[in-house]
Amino acid sequence: MGRLDAVSFRQISQILEVTDRLGLSREAVEIPLDPASPGLVRKLPNGKLEIVVDADQPFEQWLTAVEPTIVKVAEA
């Protein structure tokens, strides 16, 4: 599988399912449509959580692996 060029609506929905389950408000989460390598999770100056999908990992694998990072950054 090749590099991910754009984050789909379906993938955004899957990420939001994770953040919903973790109790994070959708208003507090930003998911850019452009993936990056490496992907990242960080808290923005405005307090929102930015979740950038990794362009080089298979999406399902990345989503499973990123959940602990989302929890860690959200709690920081």
C-alpha atoms as a PDB file:
ATOM      1  CA  MET A   1       0.000   0.000   0.000  1.00  0.00           C
ATOM      2  CA  GLY A   2       1.315   3.428  -0.938  1.00  0.00           C
ATOM      3  CA  ARG A   3       1.524   6.744   0.762  1.00  0.00           C
ATOM      4  CA  LEU A   4      -1.734   8.343   1.945  1.00  0.00           C
ATOM      5  CA  ASP A   5      -2.364  11.586   0.035  1.00  0.00           C
ATOM      6  CA  ALA A   6      -5.481  12.827   1.843  1.00  0.00           C
ATOM      7  CA  VAL A   7      -7.520  11.931   4.903  1.00  0.00           C
ATOM      8  CA  SER A   8     -10.993  10.727   3.895  1.00  0.00           C
ATOM      9  CA  PHE A   9     -14.287  11.521   5.592  1.00  0.00           C
ATOM     10  CA  ARG A  10     -14.489   7.839   6.609  1.00  0.00           C
ATOM     11  CA  GLN A  11     -11.055   8.042   8.266  1.00  0.00           C
ATOM     12  CA  ILE A  12     -12.004  11.255  10.072  1.00  0.00           C
ATOM     13  CA  SER A  13     -15.138   9.515  11.331  1.00  0.00           C
ATOM     14  CA  GLN A  14     -13.028   6.619  12.635  1.00  0.00           C
ATOM     15  CA  ILE A  15     -10.705   9.025  14.477  1.00  0.00           C
ATOM     16  CA  LEU A  16     -13.722  10.809  15.970  1.00  0.00           C
ATOM     17  CA  GLU A  17     -15.104   7.471  17.165  1.00  0.00           C
ATOM     18  CA  VAL A  18     -11.887   7.044  19.154  1.00  0.00           C
ATOM     19  CA  THR A  19     -11.952  10.575  20.586  1.00  0.00           C
ATOM     20  CA  ASP A  20     -15.676  10.226  21.409  1.00  0.00           C
ATOM     21  CA  ARG A  21     -14.963   6.994  23.294  1.00  0.00           C
ATOM     22  CA  LEU A  22     -12.204   8.815  25.203  1.00  0.00           C
ATOM     23  CA  GLY A  23     -14.659  11.554  26.207  1.00  0.00           C
ATOM     24  CA  LEU A  24     -13.080  14.313  24.121  1.00  0.00           C
ATOM     25  CA  SER A  25     -15.370  16.958  22.659  1.00  0.00           C
ATOM     26  CA  ARG A  26     -15.400  17.071  18.873  1.00  0.00           C
ATOM     27  CA  GLU A  27     -15.055  20.840  19.185  1.00  0.00           C
ATOM     28  CA  ALA A  28     -11.704  20.300  20.915  1.00  0.00           C
ATOM     29  CA  VAL A  29     -10.214  18.153  18.122  1.00  0.00           C
ATOM     30  CA  GLU A  30      -8.683  19.249  14.809  1.00  0.00           C
ATOM     31  CA  ILE A  31      -7.857  16.711  12.104  1.00  0.00           C
ATOM     32  CA  PRO A  32      -6.045  18.213   9.094  1.00  0.00           C
ATOM     33  CA  LEU A  33      -6.978  16.748   5.710  1.00  0.00           C
ATOM     34  CA  ASP A  34      -3.310  16.513   4.765  1.00  0.00           C
ATOM     35  CA  PRO A  35      -1.456  13.589   6.345  1.00  0.00           C
ATOM     36  CA  ALA A  36       2.221  13.932   7.260  1.00  0.00           C
ATOM     37  CA  SER A  37       5.193  11.709   7.859  1.00  0.00           C
ATOM     38  CA  PRO A  38       5.462  11.135  10.671  1.00  0.00           C
ATOM     39  CA  GLY A  39       1.935  11.711  11.916  1.00  0.00           C
ATOM     40  CA  LEU A  40       1.552  13.483  15.243  1.00  0.00           C
ATOM     41  CA  VAL A  41      -0.727  14.359  18.099  1.00  0.00           C
ATOM     42  CA  ARG A  42      -0.176  17.670  19.849  1.00  0.00           C
ATOM     43  CA  LYS A  43      -1.970  20.306  21.847  1.00  0.00           C
ATOM     44  CA  LEU A  44      -2.307  23.574  19.956  1.00  0.00           C
ATOM     45  CA  PRO A  45      -1.885  26.999  21.581  1.00  0.00           C
ATOM     46  CA  ASN A  46      -5.696  27.387  21.515  1.00  0.00           C
ATOM     47  CA  GLY A  47      -5.999  24.235  23.661  1.00  0.00           C
ATOM     48  CA  LYS A  48      -7.358  22.029  20.882  1.00  0.00           C
ATOM     49  CA  LEU A  49      -5.905  18.619  20.155  1.00  0.00           C
ATOM     50  CA  GLU A  50      -4.439  18.317  16.657  1.00  0.00           C
ATOM     51  CA  ILE A  51      -4.330  14.785  15.249  1.00  0.00           C
ATOM     52  CA  VAL A  52      -2.297  14.479  12.043  1.00  0.00           C
ATOM     53  CA  VAL A  53      -2.633  11.130  10.292  1.00  0.00           C
ATOM     54  CA  ASP A  54       0.616   9.386   9.376  1.00  0.00           C
ATOM     55  CA  ALA A  55       1.004   9.321   5.594  1.00  0.00           C
ATOM     56  CA  ASP A  56       3.236   6.252   5.470  1.00  0.00           C
ATOM     57  CA  GLN A  57       1.606   3.781   7.877  1.00  0.00           C
ATOM     58  CA  PRO A  58      -1.491   1.792   6.964  1.00  0.00           C
ATOM     59  CA  PHE A  59      -4.370   3.812   8.450  1.00  0.00           C
ATOM     60  CA  GLU A  60      -5.915   1.033  10.580  1.00  0.00           C
ATOM     61  CA  GLN A  61      -2.515   0.199  12.088  1.00  0.00           C
ATOM     62  CA  TRP A  62      -1.804   3.871  12.799  1.00  0.00           C
ATOM     63  CA  LEU A  63      -5.234   4.405  14.375  1.00  0.00           C
ATOM     64  CA  THR A  64      -4.763   1.509  16.785  1.00  0.00           C
ATOM     65  CA  ALA A  65      -1.264   2.643  17.731  1.00  0.00           C
ATOM     66  CA  VAL A  66      -2.092   6.350  18.156  1.00  0.00           C
ATOM     67  CA  GLU A  67      -4.832   5.992  20.790  1.00  0.00           C
ATOM     68  CA  PRO A  68      -2.433   5.923  23.801  1.00  0.00           C
ATOM     69  CA  THR A  69      -0.740   9.047  22.428  1.00  0.00           C
ATOM     70  CA  ILE A  70      -4.094  10.830  22.170  1.00  0.00           C
ATOM     71  CA  VAL A  71      -4.793   9.977  25.814  1.00  0.00           C
ATOM     72  CA  LYS A  72      -1.341  11.152  26.939  1.00  0.00           C
ATOM     73  CA  VAL A  73      -1.456  14.464  25.061  1.00  0.00           C
ATOM     74  CA  ALA A  74      -5.066  15.172  26.063  1.00  0.00           C
ATOM     75  CA  GLU A  75      -4.189  14.708  29.738  1.00  0.00           C
ATOM     76  CA  ALA A  76      -1.083  16.930  29.548  1.00  0.00           C
END
